[in-house]
PDB file of all heavy atoms in Angstrom:
ATOM      1  N   LYS A   1       0.852  -1.190   0.000  1.00  0.00           N
ATOM      2  CA  LYS A   1       0.000   0.000  -0.001  1.00  0.00           C
ATOM      3  C   LYS A   1       0.886   1.237   0.000  1.00  0.00           C
ATOM      4  O   LYS A   1       1.931   1.270   0.642  1.00  0.00           O
ATOM      5  CB  LYS A   1      -0.906   0.023   1.224  1.00  0.00           C
ATOM      6  CG  LYS A   1      -1.941  -1.060   1.243  1.00  0.00           C
ATOM      7  CD  LYS A   1      -3.168  -0.560   1.950  1.00  0.00           C
ATOM      8  CE  LYS A   1      -4.407  -1.200   1.433  1.00  0.00           C
ATOM      9  NZ  LYS A   1      -4.562  -1.345   0.024  1.00  0.00           N
ATOM     10  N   ALA A   2       0.441   2.247  -0.695  1.00  0.00           N
ATOM     11  CA  ALA A   2       1.179   3.508  -0.727  1.00  0.00           C
ATOM     12  C   ALA A   2       1.262   4.095   0.681  1.00  0.00           C
ATOM     13  O   ALA A   2       0.372   3.883   1.517  1.00  0.00           O
ATOM     14  CB  ALA A   2       0.492   4.492  -1.669  1.00  0.00           C
ATOM     15  N   LEU A   3       2.313   4.829   0.931  1.00  0.00           N
ATOM     16  CA  LEU A   3       2.539   5.445   2.233  1.00  0.00           C
ATOM     17  C   LEU A   3       1.302   6.220   2.686  1.00  0.00           C
ATOM     18  O   LEU A   3       0.791   7.083   1.968  1.00  0.00           O
ATOM     19  CB  LEU A   3       3.744   6.387   2.157  1.00  0.00           C
ATOM     20  CG  LEU A   3       4.126   7.081   3.455  1.00  0.00           C
ATOM     21  CD1 LEU A   3       4.563   6.063   4.494  1.00  0.00           C
ATOM     22  CD2 LEU A   3       5.225   8.095   3.202  1.00  0.00           C
ATOM     23  N   GLY A   4       0.806   5.877   3.871  1.00  0.00           N
ATOM     24  CA  GLY A   4      -0.327   6.581   4.450  1.00  0.00           C
ATOM     25  C   GLY A   4      -1.696   6.056   4.067  1.00  0.00           C
ATOM     26  O   GLY A   4      -2.692   6.420   4.686  1.00  0.00           O
ATOM     27  N   LYS A   5      -1.779   5.200   3.074  1.00  0.00           N
ATOM     28  CA  LYS A   5      -3.070   4.612   2.697  1.00  0.00           C
ATOM     29  C   LYS A   5      -3.445   3.562   3.730  1.00  0.00           C
ATOM     30  O   LYS A   5      -2.596   2.865   4.268  1.00  0.00           O
ATOM     31  CB  LYS A   5      -3.015   3.971   1.309  1.00  0.00           C
ATOM     32  CG  LYS A   5      -2.778   4.959   0.200  1.00  0.00           C
ATOM     33  CD  LYS A   5      -3.953   5.893   0.046  1.00  0.00           C
ATOM     34  CE  LYS A   5      -3.703   6.886  -1.077  1.00  0.00           C
ATOM     35  NZ  LYS A   5      -4.794   7.825  -1.227  1.00  0.00           N
ATOM     36  N   VAL A   6      -4.730   3.443   4.002  1.00  0.00           N
ATOM     37  CA  VAL A   6      -5.221   2.529   5.027  1.00  0.00           C
ATOM     38  C   VAL A   6      -6.313   1.655   4.433  1.00  0.00           C
ATOM     39  O   VAL A   6      -7.100   2.118   3.602  1.00  0.00           O
ATOM     40  CB  VAL A   6      -5.785   3.336   6.227  1.00  0.00           C
ATOM     41  CG1 VAL A   6      -6.364   2.432   7.281  1.00  0.00           C
ATOM     42  CG2 VAL A   6      -4.712   4.222   6.825  1.00  0.00           C
ATOM     43  N   ALA A   7      -6.359   0.395   4.856  1.00  0.00           N
ATOM     44  CA  ALA A   7      -7.415  -0.514   4.416  1.00  0.00           C
ATOM     45  C   ALA A   7      -7.772  -1.441   5.567  1.00  0.00           C
ATOM     46  O   ALA A   7      -6.924  -1.764   6.406  1.00  0.00           O
ATOM     47  CB  ALA A   7      -6.963  -1.328   3.210  1.00  0.00           C
ATOM     48  N   ILE A   8      -9.013  -1.848   5.596  1.00  0.00           N
ATOM     49  CA  ILE A   8      -9.466  -2.835   6.579  1.00  0.00           C
ATOM     50  C   ILE A   8      -9.767  -4.113   5.826  1.00  0.00           C
ATOM     51  O   ILE A   8     -10.395  -4.087   4.769  1.00  0.00           O
ATOM     52  CB  ILE A   8     -10.707  -2.339   7.341  1.00  0.00           C
ATOM     53  CG1 ILE A   8     -10.341  -1.128   8.183  1.00  0.00           C
ATOM     54  CG2 ILE A   8     -11.277  -3.452   8.209  1.00  0.00           C
ATOM     55  CD1 ILE A   8     -11.485  -0.529   8.952  1.00  0.00           C
ATOM     56  N   LYS A   9      -9.312  -5.204   6.396  1.00  0.00           N
ATOM     57  CA  LYS A   9      -9.511  -6.509   5.766  1.00  0.00           C
ATOM     58  C   LYS A   9      -9.984  -7.489   6.818  1.00  0.00           C
ATOM     59  O   LYS A   9      -9.455  -7.510   7.931  1.00  0.00           O
ATOM     60  CB  LYS A   9      -8.195  -6.987   5.151  1.00  0.00           C
ATOM     61  CG  LYS A   9      -8.316  -8.316   4.472  1.00  0.00           C
ATOM     62  CD  LYS A   9      -7.000  -8.737   3.860  1.00  0.00           C
ATOM     63  CE  LYS A   9      -7.283  -9.985   3.066  1.00  0.00           C
ATOM     64  NZ  LYS A   9      -6.251 -10.915   2.972  1.00  0.00           N
ATOM     65  N   LEU A  10     -10.940  -8.311   6.487  1.00  0.00           N
ATOM     66  CA  LEU A  10     -11.424  -9.351   7.392  1.00  0.00           C
ATOM     67  C   LEU A  10     -10.921 -10.689   6.899  1.00  0.00           C
ATOM     68  O   LEU A  10     -11.225 -11.113   5.781  1.00  0.00           O
ATOM     69  CB  LEU A  10     -12.958  -9.362   7.447  1.00  0.00           C
ATOM     70  CG  LEU A  10     -13.587 -10.465   8.291  1.00  0.00           C
ATOM     71  CD1 LEU A  10     -13.122 -10.360   9.741  1.00  0.00           C
ATOM     72  CD2 LEU A  10     -15.098 -10.374   8.222  1.00  0.00           C
ATOM     73  N   GLY A  11     -10.091 -11.342   7.706  1.00  0.00           N
ATOM     74  CA  GLY A  11      -9.617 -12.680   7.386  1.00  0.00           C
ATOM     75  C   GLY A  11      -8.681 -12.723   6.195  1.00  0.00           C
ATOM     76  O   GLY A  11      -8.148 -11.714   5.757  1.00  0.00           O
ATOM     77  N   GLY A  12      -8.473 -13.935   5.693  1.00  0.00           N
ATOM     78  CA  GLY A  12      -7.620 -14.132   4.534  1.00  0.00           C
ATOM     79  C   GLY A  12      -6.204 -14.503   4.914  1.00  0.00           C
ATOM     80  O   GLY A  12      -5.887 -14.735   6.077  1.00  0.00           O
ATOM     81  N   SER A  13      -5.351 -14.550   3.907  1.00  0.00           N
ATOM     82  CA  SER A  13      -3.970 -14.979   4.122  1.00  0.00           C
ATOM     83  C   SER A  13      -3.136 -13.833   4.697  1.00  0.00           C
ATOM     84  O   SER A  13      -3.556 -12.678   4.722  1.00  0.00           O
ATOM     85  CB  SER A  13      -3.357 -15.449   2.805  1.00  0.00           C
ATOM     86  OG  SER A  13      -3.068 -14.333   1.984  1.00  0.00           O
ATOM     87  N   ALA A  14      -1.919 -14.185   5.100  1.00  0.00           N
ATOM     88  CA  ALA A  14      -0.994 -13.190   5.654  1.00  0.00           C
ATOM     89  C   ALA A  14      -0.353 -12.357   4.563  1.00  0.00           C
ATOM     90  O   ALA A  14       0.221 -11.313   4.847  1.00  0.00           O
ATOM     91  CB  ALA A  14       0.088 -13.893   6.467  1.00  0.00           C
ATOM     92  N   ARG A  15      -0.428 -12.790   3.332  1.00  0.00           N
ATOM     93  CA  ARG A  15       0.153 -12.091   2.186  1.00  0.00           C
ATOM     94  C   ARG A  15       1.624 -11.752   2.404  1.00  0.00           C
ATOM     95  O   ARG A  15       2.083 -10.672   2.066  1.00  0.00           O
ATOM     96  CB  ARG A  15      -0.650 -10.832   1.876  1.00  0.00           C
ATOM     97  CG  ARG A  15      -2.093 -11.139   1.498  1.00  0.00           C
ATOM     98  CD  ARG A  15      -2.891  -9.924   1.185  1.00  0.00           C
ATOM     99  NE  ARG A  15      -2.234  -9.161   0.129  1.00  0.00           N
ATOM    100  CZ  ARG A  15      -2.468  -7.892  -0.109  1.00  0.00           C
ATOM    101  NH1 ARG A  15      -3.335  -7.240   0.605  1.00  0.00           N
ATOM    102  NH2 ARG A  15      -1.844  -7.265  -1.078  1.00  0.00           N
ATOM    103  N   GLY A  16       2.350 -12.697   3.007  1.00  0.00           N
ATOM    104  CA  GLY A  16       3.782 -12.520   3.194  1.00  0.00           C
ATOM    105  C   GLY A  16       4.187 -11.721   4.413  1.00  0.00           C
ATOM    106  O   GLY A  16       5.373 -11.508   4.639  1.00  0.00           O
ATOM    107  N   HIS A  17       3.234 -11.280   5.227  1.00  0.00           N
ATOM    108  CA  HIS A  17       3.553 -10.484   6.419  1.00  0.00           C
ATOM    109  C   HIS A  17       3.853 -11.433   7.577  1.00  0.00           C
ATOM    110  O   HIS A  17       2.986 -12.189   8.009  1.00  0.00           O
ATOM    111  CB  HIS A  17       2.383  -9.558   6.763  1.00  0.00           C
ATOM    112  CG  HIS A  17       2.729  -8.530   7.775  1.00  0.00           C
ATOM    113  ND1 HIS A  17       2.890  -8.839   9.103  1.00  0.00           N
ATOM    114  CD2 HIS A  17       2.977  -7.208   7.646  1.00  0.00           C
ATOM    115  CE1 HIS A  17       3.201  -7.736   9.762  1.00  0.00           C
ATOM    116  NE2 HIS A  17       3.259  -6.734   8.887  1.00  0.00           N
ATOM    117  N   ASN A  18       5.092 -11.404   8.072  1.00  0.00           N
ATOM    118  CA  ASN A  18       5.507 -12.346   9.116  1.00  0.00           C
ATOM    119  C   ASN A  18       4.751 -12.183  10.424  1.00  0.00           C
ATOM    120  O   ASN A  18       4.487 -13.163  11.117  1.00  0.00           O
ATOM    121  CB  ASN A  18       7.009 -12.235   9.366  1.00  0.00           C
ATOM    122  CG  ASN A  18       7.821 -12.745   8.199  1.00  0.00           C
ATOM    123  OD1 ASN A  18       7.375 -13.615   7.458  1.00  0.00           O
ATOM    124  ND2 ASN A  18       9.010 -12.203   8.028  1.00  0.00           N
ATOM    125  N   GLY A  19       4.411 -10.965  10.804  1.00  0.00           N
ATOM    126  CA  GLY A  19       3.658 -10.750  12.039  1.00  0.00           C
ATOM    127  C   GLY A  19       2.254 -11.306  11.945  1.00  0.00           C
ATOM    128  O   GLY A  19       1.759 -11.953  12.880  1.00  0.00           O
ATOM    129  N   VAL A  20       1.602 -11.084  10.818  1.00  0.00           N
ATOM    130  CA  VAL A  20       0.250 -11.624  10.615  1.00  0.00           C
ATOM    131  C   VAL A  20       0.315 -13.149  10.554  1.00  0.00           C
ATOM    132  O   VAL A  20      -0.513 -13.837  11.152  1.00  0.00           O
ATOM    133  CB  VAL A  20      -0.402 -11.035   9.347  1.00  0.00           C
ATOM    134  CG1 VAL A  20      -1.734 -11.706   9.056  1.00  0.00           C
ATOM    135  CG2 VAL A  20      -0.577  -9.530   9.492  1.00  0.00           C
ATOM    136  N   GLN A  21       1.319 -13.703   9.858  1.00  0.00           N
ATOM    137  CA  GLN A  21       1.459 -15.159   9.785  1.00  0.00           C
ATOM    138  C   GLN A  21       1.664 -15.749  11.174  1.00  0.00           C
ATOM    139  O   GLN A  21       1.116 -16.801  11.493  1.00  0.00           O
ATOM    140  CB  GLN A  21       2.621 -15.556   8.863  1.00  0.00           C
ATOM    141  CG  GLN A  21       2.743 -17.057   8.681  1.00  0.00           C
ATOM    142  CD  GLN A  21       1.473 -17.683   8.126  1.00  0.00           C
ATOM    143  OE1 GLN A  21       0.971 -17.261   7.091  1.00  0.00           O
ATOM    144  NE2 GLN A  21       0.935 -18.668   8.820  1.00  0.00           N
ATOM    145  N   SER A  22       2.440 -15.074  12.000  1.00  0.00           N
ATOM    146  CA  SER A  22       2.655 -15.521  13.370  1.00  0.00           C
ATOM    147  C   SER A  22       1.330 -15.565  14.140  1.00  0.00           C
ATOM    148  O   SER A  22       1.066 -16.517  14.884  1.00  0.00           O
ATOM    149  CB  SER A  22       3.645 -14.592  14.068  1.00  0.00           C
ATOM    150  OG  SER A  22       3.795 -14.922  15.425  1.00  0.00           O
ATOM    151  N   CYS A  23       0.485 -14.560  13.942  1.00  0.00           N
ATOM    152  CA  CYS A  23      -0.825 -14.525  14.613  1.00  0.00           C
ATOM    153  C   CYS A  23      -1.728 -15.646  14.100  1.00  0.00           C
ATOM    154  O   CYS A  23      -2.392 -16.330  14.889  1.00  0.00           O
ATOM    155  CB  CYS A  23      -1.497 -13.169  14.412  1.00  0.00           C
ATOM    156  SG  CYS A  23      -0.651 -11.811  15.267  1.00  0.00           S
ATOM    157  N   ILE A  24      -1.744 -15.855  12.797  1.00  0.00           N
ATOM    158  CA  ILE A  24      -2.559 -16.919  12.208  1.00  0.00           C
ATOM    159  C   ILE A  24      -2.113 -18.273  12.763  1.00  0.00           C
ATOM    160  O   ILE A  24      -2.947 -19.100  13.162  1.00  0.00           O
ATOM    161  CB  ILE A  24      -2.480 -16.894  10.665  1.00  0.00           C
ATOM    162  CG1 ILE A  24      -3.208 -15.659  10.121  1.00  0.00           C
ATOM    163  CG2 ILE A  24      -3.050 -18.169  10.058  1.00  0.00           C
ATOM    164  CD1 ILE A  24      -3.007 -15.410   8.632  1.00  0.00           C
ATOM    165  N   SER A  25      -0.814 -18.497  12.833  1.00  0.00           N
ATOM    166  CA  SER A  25      -0.286 -19.769  13.329  1.00  0.00           C
ATOM    167  C   SER A  25      -0.600 -19.963  14.814  1.00  0.00           C
ATOM    168  O   SER A  25      -1.030 -21.041  15.224  1.00  0.00           O
ATOM    169  CB  SER A  25       1.227 -19.841  13.118  1.00  0.00           C
ATOM    170  OG  SER A  25       1.531 -19.841  11.751  1.00  0.00           O
ATOM    171  N   ALA A  26      -0.388 -18.936  15.614  1.00  0.00           N
ATOM    172  CA  ALA A  26      -0.587 -19.054  17.068  1.00  0.00           C
ATOM    173  C   ALA A  26      -2.059 -19.187  17.447  1.00  0.00           C
ATOM    174  O   ALA A  26      -2.401 -19.866  18.412  1.00  0.00           O
ATOM    175  CB  ALA A  26       0.041 -17.856  17.779  1.00  0.00           C
ATOM    176  N   LEU A  27      -2.936 -18.534  16.680  1.00  0.00           N
ATOM    177  CA  LEU A  27      -4.376 -18.571  16.976  1.00  0.00           C
ATOM    178  C   LEU A  27      -5.095 -19.695  16.221  1.00  0.00           C
ATOM    179  O   LEU A  27      -6.274 -19.920  16.445  1.00  0.00           O
ATOM    180  CB  LEU A  27      -5.018 -17.226  16.625  1.00  0.00           C
ATOM    181  CG  LEU A  27      -4.611 -16.057  17.516  1.00  0.00           C
ATOM    182  CD1 LEU A  27      -4.963 -14.735  16.847  1.00  0.00           C
ATOM    183  CD2 LEU A  27      -5.271 -16.171  18.879  1.00  0.00           C
ATOM    184  N   HIS A  28      -4.383 -20.345  15.312  1.00  0.00           N
ATOM    185  CA  HIS A  28      -4.966 -21.414  14.488  1.00  0.00           C
ATOM    186  C   HIS A  28      -6.195 -20.915  13.740  1.00  0.00           C
ATOM    187  O   HIS A  28      -7.196 -21.618  13.612  1.00  0.00           O
ATOM    188  CB  HIS A  28      -5.324 -22.647  15.327  1.00  0.00           C
ATOM    189  CG  HIS A  28      -4.192 -23.145  16.155  1.00  0.00           C
ATOM    190  ND1 HIS A  28      -3.085 -23.753  15.615  1.00  0.00           N
ATOM    191  CD2 HIS A  28      -3.973 -23.093  17.495  1.00  0.00           C
ATOM    192  CE1 HIS A  28      -2.237 -24.068  16.576  1.00  0.00           C
ATOM    193  NE2 HIS A  28      -2.752 -23.671  17.727  1.00  0.00           N
ATOM    194  N   SER A  29      -6.117 -19.680  13.264  1.00  0.00           N
ATOM    195  CA  SER A  29      -7.245 -19.064  12.571  1.00  0.00           C
ATOM    196  C   SER A  29      -6.749 -17.859  11.781  1.00  0.00           C
ATOM    197  O   SER A  29      -5.740 -17.253  12.131  1.00  0.00           O
ATOM    198  CB  SER A  29      -8.297 -18.599  13.584  1.00  0.00           C
ATOM    199  OG  SER A  29      -9.330 -17.893  12.938  1.00  0.00           O
ATOM    200  N   ASN A  30      -7.482 -17.522  10.736  1.00  0.00           N
ATOM    201  CA  ASN A  30      -7.173 -16.308   9.978  1.00  0.00           C
ATOM    202  C   ASN A  30      -8.343 -15.327  10.035  1.00  0.00           C
ATOM    203  O   ASN A  30      -8.457 -14.447   9.208  1.00  0.00           O
ATOM    204  CB  ASN A  30      -6.829 -16.639   8.530  1.00  0.00           C
ATOM    205  CG  ASN A  30      -8.020 -17.193   7.762  1.00  0.00           C
ATOM    206  OD1 ASN A  30      -9.064 -17.484   8.332  1.00  0.00           O
ATOM    207  ND2 ASN A  30      -7.861 -17.339   6.464  1.00  0.00           N
ATOM    208  N   GLU A  31      -9.219 -15.469  11.038  1.00  0.00           N
ATOM    209  CA  GLU A  31     -10.440 -14.678  11.121  1.00  0.00           C
ATOM    210  C   GLU A  31     -10.275 -13.301  11.745  1.00  0.00           C
ATOM    211  O   GLU A  31     -11.259 -12.599  11.949  1.00  0.00           O
ATOM    212  CB  GLU A  31     -11.498 -15.455  11.906  1.00  0.00           C
ATOM    213  CG  GLU A  31     -11.958 -16.708  11.211  1.00  0.00           C
ATOM    214  CD  GLU A  31     -13.033 -17.437  11.991  1.00  0.00           C
ATOM    215  OE1 GLU A  31     -13.859 -16.761  12.644  1.00  0.00           O
ATOM    216  OE2 GLU A  31     -13.037 -18.669  11.963  1.00  0.00           O
ATOM    217  N   MET A  32      -9.054 -12.891  12.051  1.00  0.00           N
ATOM    218  CA  MET A  32      -8.857 -11.583  12.658  1.00  0.00           C
ATOM    219  C   MET A  32      -9.104 -10.480  11.632  1.00  0.00           C
ATOM    220  O   MET A  32      -8.820 -10.644  10.456  1.00  0.00           O
ATOM    221  CB  MET A  32      -7.423 -11.433  13.182  1.00  0.00           C
ATOM    222  CG  MET A  32      -7.061 -12.360  14.323  1.00  0.00           C
ATOM    223  SD  MET A  32      -6.752 -14.058  13.792  1.00  0.00           S
ATOM    224  CE  MET A  32      -5.332 -13.932  12.760  1.00  0.00           C
ATOM    225  N   THR A  33      -9.619  -9.362  12.107  1.00  0.00           N
ATOM    226  CA  THR A  33      -9.755  -8.175  11.268  1.00  0.00           C
ATOM    227  C   THR A  33      -8.410  -7.469  11.265  1.00  0.00           C
ATOM    228  O   THR A  33      -7.741  -7.406  12.292  1.00  0.00           O
ATOM    229  CB  THR A  33     -10.854  -7.248  11.824  1.00  0.00           C
ATOM    230  OG1 THR A  33     -12.090  -7.961  11.834  1.00  0.00           O
ATOM    231  CG2 THR A  33     -10.998  -5.992  10.982  1.00  0.00           C
ATOM    232  N   ARG A  34      -8.005  -6.955  10.106  1.00  0.00           N
ATOM    233  CA  ARG A  34      -6.709  -6.284   9.996  1.00  0.00           C
ATOM    234  C   ARG A  34      -6.870  -4.859   9.522  1.00  0.00           C
ATOM    235  O   ARG A  34      -7.578  -4.596   8.553  1.00  0.00           O
ATOM    236  CB  ARG A  34      -5.804  -7.004   8.980  1.00  0.00           C
ATOM    237  CG  ARG A  34      -5.428  -8.414   9.400  1.00  0.00           C
ATOM    238  CD  ARG A  34      -6.028  -9.336   8.424  1.00  0.00           C
ATOM    239  NE  ARG A  34      -6.030 -10.716   8.838  1.00  0.00           N
ATOM    240  CZ  ARG A  34      -5.553 -11.674   8.086  1.00  0.00           C
ATOM    241  NH1 ARG A  34      -4.986 -11.405   6.952  1.00  0.00           N
ATOM    242  NH2 ARG A  34      -5.672 -12.911   8.490  1.00  0.00           N
ATOM    243  N   LEU A  35      -6.218  -3.964  10.210  1.00  0.00           N
ATOM    244  CA  LEU A  35      -6.105  -2.584   9.768  1.00  0.00           C
ATOM    245  C   LEU A  35      -4.709  -2.469   9.173  1.00  0.00           C
ATOM    246  O   LEU A  35      -3.702  -2.517   9.888  1.00  0.00           O
ATOM    247  CB  LEU A  35      -6.286  -1.608  10.931  1.00  0.00           C
ATOM    248  CG  LEU A  35      -6.121  -0.131  10.581  1.00  0.00           C
ATOM    249  CD1 LEU A  35      -7.161   0.302   9.547  1.00  0.00           C
ATOM    250  CD2 LEU A  35      -6.224   0.714  11.829  1.00  0.00           C
ATOM    251  N   ARG A  36      -4.638  -2.363   7.854  1.00  0.00           N
ATOM    252  CA  ARG A  36      -3.382  -2.350   7.128  1.00  0.00           C
ATOM    253  C   ARG A  36      -2.964  -0.909   6.850  1.00  0.00           C
ATOM    254  O   ARG A  36      -3.719  -0.160   6.219  1.00  0.00           O
ATOM    255  CB  ARG A  36      -3.521  -3.155   5.832  1.00  0.00           C
ATOM    256  CG  ARG A  36      -3.868  -4.596   6.121  1.00  0.00           C
ATOM    257  CD  ARG A  36      -4.339  -5.417   4.927  1.00  0.00           C
ATOM    258  NE  ARG A  36      -3.874  -4.955   3.651  1.00  0.00           N
ATOM    259  CZ  ARG A  36      -4.576  -5.113   2.521  1.00  0.00           C
ATOM    260  NH1 ARG A  36      -5.760  -5.695   2.531  1.00  0.00           N
ATOM    261  NH2 ARG A  36      -4.093  -4.680   1.386  1.00  0.00           N
ATOM    262  N   ILE A  37      -1.801  -0.529   7.310  1.00  0.00           N
ATOM    263  CA  ILE A  37      -1.292   0.828   7.155  1.00  0.00           C
ATOM    264  C   ILE A  37      -0.209   0.813   6.079  1.00  0.00           C
ATOM    265  O   ILE A  37       0.814   0.140   6.234  1.00  0.00           O
ATOM    266  CB  ILE A  37      -0.675   1.352   8.471  1.00  0.00           C
ATOM    267  CG1 ILE A  37      -1.591   1.125   9.659  1.00  0.00           C
ATOM    268  CG2 ILE A  37      -0.242   2.807   8.320  1.00  0.00           C
ATOM    269  CD1 ILE A  37      -2.856   1.906   9.654  1.00  0.00           C
ATOM    270  N   GLY A  38      -0.420   1.558   5.009  1.00  0.00           N
ATOM    271  CA  GLY A  38       0.543   1.585   3.916  1.00  0.00           C
ATOM    272  C   GLY A  38       1.844   2.252   4.293  1.00  0.00           C
ATOM    273  O   GLY A  38       1.848   3.343   4.854  1.00  0.00           O
ATOM    274  N   ILE A  39       2.955   1.551   4.011  1.00  0.00           N
ATOM    275  CA  ILE A  39       4.280   2.126   4.241  1.00  0.00           C
ATOM    276  C   ILE A  39       5.058   2.219   2.929  1.00  0.00           C
ATOM    277  O   ILE A  39       6.151   2.759   2.902  1.00  0.00           O
ATOM    278  CB  ILE A  39       5.083   1.331   5.292  1.00  0.00           C
ATOM    279  CG1 ILE A  39       5.309  -0.108   4.853  1.00  0.00           C
ATOM    280  CG2 ILE A  39       4.400   1.411   6.647  1.00  0.00           C
ATOM    281  CD1 ILE A  39       6.301  -0.869   5.719  1.00  0.00           C
ATOM    282  N   GLY A  40       4.503   1.691   1.839  1.00  0.00           N
ATOM    283  CA  GLY A  40       5.150   1.750   0.536  1.00  0.00           C
ATOM    284  C   GLY A  40       6.434   0.952   0.484  1.00  0.00           C
ATOM    285  O   GLY A  40       6.902   0.422   1.479  1.00  0.00           O
ATOM    286  N   ARG A  41       6.968   0.868  -0.693  1.00  0.00           N
ATOM    287  CA  ARG A  41       8.251   0.182  -0.897  1.00  0.00           C
ATOM    288  C   ARG A  41       9.370   1.211  -0.840  1.00  0.00           C
ATOM    289  O   ARG A  41       9.181   2.336  -1.266  1.00  0.00           O
ATOM    290  CB  ARG A  41       8.256  -0.514  -2.260  1.00  0.00           C
ATOM    291  CG  ARG A  41       7.201  -1.584  -2.362  1.00  0.00           C
ATOM    292  CD  ARG A  41       7.834  -2.921  -2.450  1.00  0.00           C
ATOM    293  NE  ARG A  41       6.793  -3.956  -2.450  1.00  0.00           N
ATOM    294  CZ  ARG A  41       6.952  -5.106  -1.869  1.00  0.00           C
ATOM    295  NH1 ARG A  41       8.081  -5.399  -1.259  1.00  0.00           N
ATOM    296  NH2 ARG A  41       5.996  -6.002  -1.881  1.00  0.00           N
ATOM    297  N   PRO A  42      10.518   0.814  -0.313  1.00  0.00           N
ATOM    298  CA  PRO A  42      11.642   1.770  -0.240  1.00  0.00           C
ATOM    299  C   PRO A  42      12.041   2.258  -1.627  1.00  0.00           C
ATOM    300  O   PRO A  42      11.875   1.584  -2.604  1.00  0.00           O
ATOM    301  CB  PRO A  42      12.764   0.968   0.393  1.00  0.00           C
ATOM    302  CG  PRO A  42      12.193  -0.314   0.859  1.00  0.00           C
ATOM    303  CD  PRO A  42      10.856  -0.482   0.220  1.00  0.00           C
TER     304      PRO A  42
END
């Protein structure tokens, strides 16, 4: 996501995000709501 852009997502995959994957693995579920904050690519 572009720097400063925000999106809300319900469930789904971690899309390569290690922190989200850690939560999915530890909770044995992907049903968490996510507030995704855009930081852009360097």
